[in-house]
Amino acid sequence: MAVSRKALKSLSGVYGVTHRQPLLFPSTLGCSAILSTRSAYERDYRRPGQSPDTRWPWQKIHFDFSKGVEGIKKHIGLLKDEFVQRWTGPEGRPLLEHMLEQTRVQWEFRGPESLDQWVVSSDQEIGGHSVAYTKLGKNNTTCFLYGSLCSMPPRDGETRYSGYCTLRSKQPLASFDRKKTYDWSSFNTLHMRIRGDGRPWMVNVSVETFFSHQRDDIYSYFLYTRGGPYWQDVKIPFSKFFLSSRGRIQDNQHVLWLDKVKSIGFTLGDKADGPFQLEIDFIGLRNDLAHTEEFAYELYKRNPEV
């Protein structure tokens, strides 16, 4: 008795969540088939009304021998640099320099390769009409983010809200595409030099989490631009960042873990349709000795002391 691939996929899991263990069909089907299931969590967003990708995982793999050799050479070189940096000190710098460090420029834009560390996205991913682009500013020394915001939702019958644009840094990778994180535990303030058009933005910091259901957790704070031709230095203490998940502020707040930072991003969604622009000179960190606040929001105890 033949079993269609659609029937096999319908039996592989519930609500689109499947497991890695093989599933053996009963003998009443006339055959014994072992399913190759997908990952436990489907990270790819699918628009309402869009047909799902029914290809098997091995059908999405593209083999290229020349690119494979180049990749091996690249990762062997990165692995060698990691061993050398461990003997030098934290992050490849002497230990004394790391302990006495008061400021650090984490991102600066001094060439086309600096824009490769960032990802631009908008509500076009869900069928919206906003657009966002990046390019180098004047004299190739700044990042210029520009585009147009449109809050009209897509006509798919399900999406009710739309209108956002985002600039996000890529998570650093070690050799063989192992994920790395930034260690900002020596600093307590985020320092940026920006020039905007008067719109309010949101600064988002993503950190590494232990559990998969926390992958959408993000720490955010407001960024108000003045507009005009003048630059502004923005200093935001990390104690001001509040926890949110999928756009909802959480009641149970936690302090930002500065030793497991994955990326930083800027989000615009003020519902004011029209063009926008944001120019960034650098994004850095500093240790402000005058700032002693640990966390600006109330922390709840599960078992309060009597």
Protein backbone atom coordinates (compact mmCIF):
# COMPACT_ATOMS: atom_id res chain seq x y z
CA MET A 1 0.00 0.00 0.00
CA ALA A 2 1.57 3.26 -1.12
CA VAL A 3 1.65 6.21 1.25
CA SER A 4 1.81 9.73 -0.14
CA ARG A 5 4.42 12.17 1.06
CA LYS A 6 1.68 14.54 2.25
CA ALA A 7 0.29 11.81 4.50
CA LEU A 8 3.74 11.09 5.88
CA LYS A 9 4.29 14.73 6.79
CA SER A 10 0.89 14.99 8.46
CA LEU A 11 1.83 12.11 10.76
CA SER A 12 5.27 13.47 11.58
CA GLY A 13 4.17 15.97 14.22
CA VAL A 14 1.48 18.15 15.75
CA TYR A 15 1.15 21.91 15.18
CA GLY A 16 4.29 21.89 13.06
CA VAL A 17 6.53 20.83 15.98
CA THR A 18 8.28 17.52 15.36
CA HIS A 19 10.99 15.54 17.01
CA ARG A 20 14.21 13.98 15.84
CA GLN A 21 13.39 10.43 16.89
CA PRO A 22 12.34 8.13 14.02
CA LEU A 23 8.67 7.20 13.67
CA LEU A 24 7.86 3.61 12.69
CA PHE A 25 4.50 3.05 11.07
CA PRO A 26 2.36 0.06 12.06
CA SER A 27 2.22 -3.01 9.89
CA THR A 28 -1.37 -2.22 8.87
CA LEU A 29 -0.03 0.21 6.32
CA GLY A 30 1.69 -2.60 4.51
CA CYS A 31 5.15 -1.06 4.80
CA SER A 32 7.67 0.08 7.36
CA ALA A 33 8.80 3.65 6.83
CA ILE A 34 11.07 5.79 8.94
CA LEU A 35 10.39 9.51 8.72
CA SER A 36 13.10 12.10 8.40
CA THR A 37 11.56 14.96 10.32
CA ARG A 38 12.41 18.61 10.46
CA SER A 39 13.86 20.50 13.37
CA ALA A 40 11.88 21.01 16.51
CA TYR A 41 11.36 24.70 15.93
CA GLU A 42 10.66 26.24 12.54
CA ARG A 43 12.47 29.57 12.57
CA ASP A 44 11.52 30.66 9.03
CA TYR A 45 8.54 32.99 8.89
CA ARG A 46 5.83 32.11 6.38
CA ARG A 47 3.37 34.77 5.27
CA PRO A 48 -0.36 34.05 5.60
CA GLY A 49 -1.56 32.54 2.34
CA GLN A 50 1.93 31.54 1.22
CA SER A 51 2.37 27.89 0.31
CA PRO A 52 4.78 25.98 2.56
CA ASP A 53 8.11 24.67 1.36
CA THR A 54 7.51 20.95 0.83
CA ARG A 55 11.04 20.08 -0.20
CA TRP A 56 13.00 17.57 1.84
CA PRO A 57 16.05 18.87 3.75
CA TRP A 58 18.54 17.20 1.38
CA GLN A 59 16.90 18.92 -1.59
CA LYS A 60 17.90 22.34 -0.21
CA ILE A 61 21.63 21.56 -0.09
CA HIS A 62 23.83 22.90 -2.89
CA PHE A 63 27.27 21.34 -3.26
CA ASP A 64 30.22 23.33 -4.61
CA PHE A 65 33.69 21.79 -4.33
CA SER A 66 35.65 25.02 -4.97
CA LYS A 67 33.70 26.95 -2.32
CA GLY A 68 34.20 24.07 0.08
CA VAL A 69 37.99 24.22 -0.27
CA GLU A 70 37.97 28.00 0.25
CA GLY A 71 35.80 27.58 3.32
CA ILE A 72 38.15 25.02 4.85
CA LYS A 73 41.14 27.34 4.37
CA LYS A 74 39.22 30.21 5.93
CA HIS A 75 38.13 28.28 9.00
CA ILE A 76 41.57 26.73 9.56
CA GLY A 77 43.01 30.25 9.61
CA LEU A 78 40.35 31.40 12.09
CA LEU A 79 41.08 28.41 14.32
CA LYS A 80 44.77 29.25 14.28
CA ASP A 81 44.04 32.86 15.28
CA GLU A 82 41.91 31.65 18.19
CA PHE A 83 44.76 29.59 19.62
CA VAL A 84 47.17 32.52 19.29
CA GLN A 85 44.75 34.96 20.92
CA ARG A 86 44.28 32.67 23.94
CA TRP A 87 47.98 32.90 24.71
CA THR A 88 47.98 36.70 24.34
CA GLY A 89 44.99 37.46 26.56
CA PRO A 90 41.21 38.06 26.47
CA GLU A 91 40.09 38.76 22.91
CA GLY A 92 43.70 38.76 21.76
CA ARG A 93 44.81 41.68 23.95
CA PRO A 94 47.11 41.81 26.97
CA LEU A 95 45.41 41.18 30.30
CA LEU A 96 46.46 44.53 31.79
CA GLU A 97 45.01 46.41 28.82
CA HIS A 98 41.77 44.49 29.16
CA MET A 99 41.46 45.27 32.88
CA LEU A 100 42.19 49.00 32.53
CA GLU A 101 39.99 49.54 29.48
CA GLN A 102 37.49 52.37 29.99
CA THR A 103 36.17 52.88 26.44
CA ARG A 104 35.82 50.73 23.35
CA VAL A 105 34.59 51.39 19.82
CA GLN A 106 32.69 48.23 18.89
CA TRP A 107 31.43 49.25 15.45
CA GLU A 108 32.63 51.96 13.13
CA PHE A 109 32.03 52.45 9.44
CA ARG A 110 35.17 53.11 7.45
CA GLY A 111 34.58 51.18 4.23
CA PRO A 112 32.18 48.99 2.25
CA GLU A 113 33.22 45.87 4.18
CA SER A 114 31.90 47.40 7.42
CA LEU A 115 28.33 47.31 6.05
CA ASP A 116 28.60 43.53 5.57
CA GLN A 117 28.35 43.15 9.35
CA TRP A 118 24.76 44.48 9.33
CA VAL A 119 21.38 43.25 8.10
CA VAL A 120 18.53 45.51 6.98
CA SER A 121 14.94 44.30 7.10
CA SER A 122 11.45 45.76 6.91
CA ASP A 123 7.83 44.68 6.94
CA GLN A 124 8.20 43.49 3.37
CA GLU A 125 8.99 40.14 4.96
CA ILE A 126 5.33 39.92 6.00
CA GLY A 127 3.94 41.56 2.87
CA GLY A 128 4.22 45.21 3.97
CA HIS A 129 5.22 48.22 1.90
CA SER A 130 8.06 49.78 3.92
CA VAL A 131 11.54 49.88 2.41
CA ALA A 132 14.95 50.39 4.00
CA TYR A 133 18.47 50.63 2.58
CA THR A 134 22.00 51.26 3.82
CA LYS A 135 24.94 52.95 2.21
CA LEU A 136 28.12 54.70 3.24
CA GLY A 137 27.75 58.36 4.12
CA LYS A 138 29.91 61.27 3.13
CA ASN A 139 33.61 60.44 2.72
CA ASN A 140 32.76 56.75 3.37
CA THR A 141 33.04 57.23 7.14
CA THR A 142 29.44 56.74 8.34
CA CYS A 143 26.52 54.34 7.92
CA PHE A 144 23.52 55.98 6.28
CA LEU A 145 20.21 54.21 6.86
CA TYR A 146 17.32 55.55 4.79
CA GLY A 147 14.02 54.47 3.34
CA SER A 148 10.29 54.99 3.60
CA LEU A 149 7.87 53.81 6.29
CA CYS A 150 4.36 52.63 5.40
CA SER A 151 1.96 51.38 8.07
CA MET A 152 -0.63 49.95 5.66
CA PRO A 153 -0.99 46.23 6.45
CA PRO A 154 -0.85 43.63 3.67
CA ARG A 155 -4.13 42.45 2.22
CA ASP A 156 -3.88 38.84 3.26
CA GLY A 157 -6.88 38.77 5.58
CA GLU A 158 -4.84 37.97 8.69
CA THR A 159 -2.16 40.62 9.31
CA ARG A 160 -3.60 43.62 11.16
CA TYR A 161 -0.55 45.77 11.90
CA SER A 162 2.49 46.68 9.85
CA GLY A 163 5.06 49.42 9.39
CA TYR A 164 8.59 48.85 10.69
CA CYS A 165 12.20 48.96 9.51
CA THR A 166 15.17 47.44 11.29
CA LEU A 167 18.96 47.60 11.17
CA ARG A 168 20.64 44.75 13.07
CA SER A 169 24.22 43.60 13.46
CA LYS A 170 25.18 40.05 12.61
CA GLN A 171 26.22 37.70 15.37
CA PRO A 172 29.98 37.10 15.27
CA LEU A 173 31.12 33.65 14.23
CA ALA A 174 34.22 31.72 15.20
CA SER A 175 35.91 29.00 13.18
CA PHE A 176 33.62 26.46 11.54
CA ASP A 177 30.65 28.81 12.03
CA ARG A 178 30.56 28.49 15.79
CA LYS A 179 28.54 31.29 17.35
CA LYS A 180 30.37 33.84 19.49
CA THR A 181 29.17 36.55 21.83
CA TYR A 182 30.47 39.94 22.94
CA ASP A 183 31.70 40.40 26.50
CA TRP A 184 30.68 43.88 27.67
CA SER A 185 30.84 43.14 31.39
CA SER A 186 33.58 45.77 31.89
CA PHE A 187 31.27 48.58 30.74
CA ASN A 188 27.98 50.06 31.93
CA THR A 189 27.01 52.57 29.22
CA LEU A 190 26.29 52.43 25.51
CA HIS A 191 27.80 55.38 23.63
CA MET A 192 26.74 56.29 20.08
CA ARG A 193 27.27 59.22 17.75
CA ILE A 194 24.27 59.60 15.47
CA ARG A 195 22.41 62.11 13.34
CA GLY A 196 18.71 61.60 12.67
CA ASP A 197 15.63 63.35 11.33
CA GLY A 198 13.71 63.81 14.59
CA ARG A 199 12.02 60.40 14.67
CA PRO A 200 12.03 58.20 17.78
CA TRP A 201 13.86 54.90 17.41
CA MET A 202 14.26 51.82 19.56
CA VAL A 203 17.68 50.42 20.46
CA ASN A 204 17.59 46.62 20.85
CA VAL A 205 20.23 44.41 22.46
CA SER A 206 19.98 40.65 22.00
CA VAL A 207 21.73 38.29 24.41
CA GLU A 208 22.42 34.56 24.50
CA THR A 209 19.80 32.53 26.38
CA PHE A 210 19.75 29.05 27.89
CA PHE A 211 16.33 27.86 26.72
CA SER A 212 14.81 27.82 23.25
CA HIS A 213 11.56 29.48 24.32
CA GLN A 214 13.61 32.59 25.25
CA ARG A 215 15.01 33.10 21.75
CA ASP A 216 12.65 36.06 21.14
CA ASP A 217 13.68 37.90 24.33
CA ILE A 218 15.28 41.26 23.68
CA TYR A 219 16.33 44.27 25.75
CA SER A 220 15.24 47.66 24.46
CA TYR A 221 15.40 51.36 25.19
CA PHE A 222 14.33 54.53 23.40
CA LEU A 223 16.49 56.63 21.13
CA TYR A 224 15.26 60.15 20.42
CA THR A 225 16.89 62.00 17.54
CA ARG A 226 16.88 65.80 17.36
CA GLY A 227 17.01 66.23 13.61
CA GLY A 228 18.96 68.87 11.79
CA PRO A 229 22.55 68.90 10.53
CA TYR A 230 24.25 68.48 13.91
CA TRP A 231 25.59 65.28 15.41
CA GLN A 232 24.46 64.10 18.84
CA ASP A 233 26.29 61.90 21.30
CA VAL A 234 23.89 59.46 22.93
CA LYS A 235 24.84 57.72 26.18
CA ILE A 236 22.41 55.08 27.45
CA PRO A 237 23.21 53.14 30.64
CA PHE A 238 22.64 49.43 30.30
CA SER A 239 20.57 49.54 33.50
CA LYS A 240 17.84 51.40 31.55
CA PHE A 241 17.22 48.55 29.08
CA PHE A 242 13.97 46.67 29.74
CA LEU A 243 13.05 43.12 28.75
CA SER A 244 10.47 42.44 26.04
CA SER A 245 9.45 39.42 24.01
CA ARG A 246 7.81 39.59 20.59
CA GLY A 247 7.04 43.27 21.08
CA ARG A 248 5.47 42.88 24.54
CA ILE A 249 7.11 44.29 27.67
CA GLN A 250 7.45 41.60 30.31
CA ASP A 251 6.21 42.02 33.88
CA ASN A 252 9.10 40.01 35.28
CA GLN A 253 12.16 42.08 34.41
CA HIS A 254 15.78 40.93 34.50
CA VAL A 255 19.13 42.65 34.37
CA LEU A 256 20.84 42.65 30.98
CA TRP A 257 23.56 40.01 30.74
CA LEU A 258 26.50 41.94 29.35
CA ASP A 259 28.80 38.94 29.00
CA LYS A 260 26.57 37.18 26.44
CA VAL A 261 25.62 39.90 23.94
CA LYS A 262 24.80 38.61 20.46
CA SER A 263 23.83 41.71 18.49
CA ILE A 264 22.50 45.25 18.60
CA GLY A 265 19.79 46.75 16.42
CA PHE A 266 17.74 49.85 15.66
CA THR A 267 14.00 49.68 14.98
CA LEU A 268 11.69 52.36 13.59
CA GLY A 269 7.93 51.91 13.97
CA ASP A 270 6.40 55.24 15.00
CA LYS A 271 3.40 54.93 12.59
CA ALA A 272 4.42 58.16 10.83
CA ASP A 273 4.37 57.25 7.15
CA GLY A 274 6.99 58.83 4.99
CA PRO A 275 10.74 58.94 4.37
CA PHE A 276 13.27 58.55 7.18
CA GLN A 277 17.03 58.61 7.64
CA LEU A 278 19.52 57.80 10.34
CA GLU A 279 23.27 58.29 10.12
CA ILE A 280 25.61 56.46 12.50
CA ASP A 281 29.23 57.44 13.04
CA PHE A 282 30.22 54.82 15.61
CA ILE A 283 28.79 52.58 18.31
CA GLY A 284 30.93 52.19 21.39
CA LEU A 285 31.02 51.31 25.06
CA ARG A 286 32.24 53.15 28.11
CA ASN A 287 32.63 52.61 31.82
CA ASP A 288 31.02 55.59 33.54
CA LEU A 289 32.28 55.58 37.12
CA ALA A 290 29.65 58.14 38.13
CA HIS A 291 26.83 55.75 37.19
CA THR A 292 26.16 53.32 40.05
CA GLU A 293 22.62 52.16 39.23
CA GLU A 294 22.36 48.40 38.76
CA PHE A 295 18.81 48.20 37.38
CA ALA A 296 16.22 50.92 36.87
CA TYR A 297 13.11 48.77 37.23
CA GLU A 298 11.46 46.86 40.03
CA LEU A 299 12.53 43.26 40.50
CA TYR A 300 10.02 40.76 41.84
CA LYS A 301 10.92 37.95 44.21
CA ARG A 302 9.19 34.60 43.85
CA ASN A 303 9.48 33.91 47.59
CA PRO A 304 9.59 37.31 49.31
CA GLU A 305 11.26 37.50 52.66
CA VAL A 306 8.92 37.93 55.63
